[in-house]
Amino acid sequence: MTDDNNSAARQLAVKLLARREHSAEELTYKLTRRGYSPETVELALNWCQQHDLQSDSRYANAYARQRSMRLYGPLLIQAELRQRGVADELIADALDELADQWLDAAVRFLHKRNDDLSDFKQQGKAFQALCRKGFSSDTARRALASCRDD
């Protein structure tokens, strides 16, 4: 019975990973929620990692890329990845790969908002919006300066 249970957990893990990347913590949570024992979950997760089906590094890179394309900043992405159980070193590596894109993403976000940045009050609101989207205050200031210069 345990071999069938292990096989079923492994099949479910593969099915979940076929849809999208998952962090190890997410996969563990989903398998546990479905009623598999911690030992069975660990075996399934180890099997997926040994066969390169699950990788927190690959997950962090894909997640960061996807969120940056939706104009989210590095601070918010970092917090989201931490919530999903990804190690800080992997998060740093994923965000470093996108380091040259943050200012451009912030500027695109401001263009998308289409605010009148000649008004000081609107500049403050745009700055706050950038910070809420996860951009550093330095990046927000540089993006605002870039948009005012246009």
Protein backbone atom coordinates (compact mmCIF):
# COMPACT_ATOMS: atom_id res chain seq x y z
CA MET A 1 0.00 0.00 0.00
CA THR A 2 2.81 2.43 0.79
CA ASP A 3 4.39 1.88 -2.65
CA ASP A 4 1.06 2.79 -4.24
CA ASN A 5 0.81 5.81 -1.96
CA ASN A 6 4.36 6.90 -2.83
CA SER A 7 3.65 6.44 -6.50
CA ALA A 8 0.42 8.41 -6.29
CA ALA A 9 2.15 11.27 -4.46
CA ARG A 10 4.94 11.28 -7.04
CA GLN A 11 2.40 11.32 -9.89
CA LEU A 12 0.50 14.21 -8.31
CA ALA A 13 3.75 16.15 -7.83
CA VAL A 14 4.67 15.61 -11.49
CA LYS A 15 1.18 16.67 -12.55
CA LEU A 16 1.42 19.87 -10.49
CA LEU A 17 4.90 20.63 -11.84
CA ALA A 18 3.72 20.07 -15.41
CA ARG A 19 1.30 22.98 -15.01
CA ARG A 20 3.85 25.43 -13.61
CA GLU A 21 6.99 25.64 -11.51
CA HIS A 22 6.49 25.24 -7.75
CA SER A 23 8.84 25.89 -4.88
CA ALA A 24 9.64 22.92 -2.68
CA GLU A 25 7.57 24.47 0.12
CA GLU A 26 4.56 24.98 -2.16
CA LEU A 27 4.75 21.42 -3.42
CA THR A 28 5.10 20.09 0.11
CA TYR A 29 2.06 22.08 1.20
CA LYS A 30 -0.08 20.90 -1.71
CA LEU A 31 0.83 17.24 -1.24
CA THR A 32 0.31 17.42 2.53
CA ARG A 33 -3.04 19.12 2.03
CA ARG A 34 -4.09 16.18 -0.14
CA GLY A 35 -3.52 13.85 2.79
CA TYR A 36 -0.08 12.39 2.09
CA SER A 37 2.16 11.71 5.07
CA PRO A 38 5.28 13.84 5.60
CA GLU A 39 7.50 10.86 4.74
CA THR A 40 5.63 10.23 1.47
CA VAL A 41 5.78 13.91 0.59
CA GLU A 42 9.51 14.02 1.27
CA LEU A 43 10.09 10.96 -0.94
CA ALA A 44 8.05 12.47 -3.77
CA LEU A 45 9.80 15.81 -3.48
CA ASN A 46 13.26 14.20 -3.40
CA TRP A 47 12.38 12.13 -6.46
CA CYS A 48 11.27 15.25 -8.35
CA GLN A 49 14.44 17.10 -7.39
CA GLN A 50 16.68 14.17 -8.37
CA HIS A 51 15.01 14.04 -11.79
CA ASP A 52 15.31 17.84 -12.15
CA LEU A 53 11.55 18.32 -12.23
CA GLN A 54 11.58 20.63 -9.21
CA SER A 55 14.19 23.29 -8.58
CA ASP A 56 13.83 26.26 -6.26
CA SER A 57 16.46 28.10 -8.29
CA ARG A 58 14.54 27.64 -11.53
CA TYR A 59 11.31 28.55 -9.73
CA ALA A 60 12.80 31.77 -8.33
CA ASN A 61 14.13 32.80 -11.75
CA ALA A 62 10.83 32.11 -13.51
CA TYR A 63 8.78 33.80 -10.79
CA ALA A 64 10.98 36.91 -10.72
CA ARG A 65 10.95 37.19 -14.51
CA GLN A 66 7.17 36.81 -14.67
CA ARG A 67 6.50 39.35 -11.93
CA SER A 68 8.98 41.87 -13.37
CA MET A 69 7.19 41.65 -16.71
CA ARG A 70 4.03 42.66 -14.83
CA LEU A 71 5.97 45.71 -13.58
CA TYR A 72 6.53 44.61 -10.00
CA GLY A 73 9.70 45.74 -8.27
CA PRO A 74 12.44 43.69 -6.64
CA LEU A 75 11.41 44.35 -3.04
CA LEU A 76 7.90 43.00 -3.56
CA ILE A 77 9.17 40.02 -5.57
CA GLN A 78 11.71 39.26 -2.84
CA ALA A 79 8.98 39.28 -0.18
CA GLU A 80 6.72 37.04 -2.27
CA LEU A 81 9.50 34.52 -2.89
CA ARG A 82 10.34 34.44 0.82
CA GLN A 83 6.68 33.69 1.56
CA ARG A 84 6.94 30.77 -0.84
CA GLY A 85 9.89 29.32 1.04
CA VAL A 86 12.70 30.15 -1.39
CA ALA A 87 16.16 30.60 0.14
CA ASP A 88 17.57 34.12 0.28
CA GLU A 89 20.61 33.20 -1.87
CA LEU A 90 18.35 31.93 -4.67
CA ILE A 91 16.20 35.04 -4.45
CA ALA A 92 19.28 37.27 -4.66
CA ASP A 93 20.54 35.37 -7.71
CA ALA A 94 17.17 35.64 -9.46
CA LEU A 95 16.88 39.36 -8.77
CA ASP A 96 20.50 40.01 -9.79
CA GLU A 97 19.74 38.59 -13.23
CA LEU A 98 17.12 41.30 -13.66
CA ALA A 99 19.08 44.14 -12.02
CA ASP A 100 19.41 46.20 -15.19
CA GLN A 101 15.64 46.11 -15.83
CA TRP A 102 14.25 47.71 -12.67
CA LEU A 103 14.53 51.34 -13.73
CA ASP A 104 12.98 50.56 -17.11
CA ALA A 105 10.11 48.69 -15.42
CA ALA A 106 9.49 51.62 -13.07
CA VAL A 107 9.42 54.07 -15.98
CA ARG A 108 7.03 51.81 -17.92
CA PHE A 109 4.82 51.64 -14.82
CA LEU A 110 4.69 55.45 -14.67
CA HIS A 111 3.86 55.70 -18.38
CA LYS A 112 1.10 53.16 -17.88
CA ARG A 113 -0.37 55.25 -15.04
CA ASN A 114 -0.32 58.26 -17.36
CA ASP A 115 -0.14 60.78 -14.50
CA ASP A 116 0.54 64.48 -15.01
CA LEU A 117 3.96 64.57 -13.34
CA SER A 118 4.28 68.35 -13.60
CA ASP A 119 2.15 68.59 -10.44
CA PHE A 120 4.11 68.01 -7.22
CA LYS A 121 1.15 66.26 -5.56
CA GLN A 122 0.87 63.80 -8.48
CA GLN A 123 4.61 63.14 -8.28
CA GLY A 124 4.17 62.19 -4.63
CA LYS A 125 1.33 59.83 -5.49
CA ALA A 126 3.36 58.27 -8.31
CA PHE A 127 6.34 57.85 -5.96
CA GLN A 128 4.13 56.08 -3.40
CA ALA A 129 2.65 53.85 -6.10
CA LEU A 130 6.14 52.81 -7.22
CA CYS A 131 7.13 52.00 -3.64
CA ARG A 132 3.96 49.93 -3.17
CA LYS A 133 4.84 48.01 -6.33
CA GLY A 134 8.15 47.04 -4.74
CA PHE A 135 10.60 49.54 -6.20
CA SER A 136 13.22 51.11 -3.97
CA SER A 137 12.92 54.81 -3.22
CA ASP A 138 16.08 55.45 -5.24
CA THR A 139 14.65 53.69 -8.30
CA ALA A 140 11.35 55.54 -7.84
CA ARG A 141 13.15 58.92 -7.72
CA ARG A 142 15.20 58.08 -10.81
CA ALA A 143 12.11 56.91 -12.69
CA LEU A 144 10.23 60.10 -11.81
CA ALA A 145 13.19 62.22 -12.92
CA SER A 146 13.37 60.28 -16.16
CA CYS A 147 9.66 60.78 -16.85
CA ARG A 148 9.79 64.49 -16.02
CA ASP A 149 12.66 64.88 -18.49
CA ASP A 150 10.61 63.31 -21.31
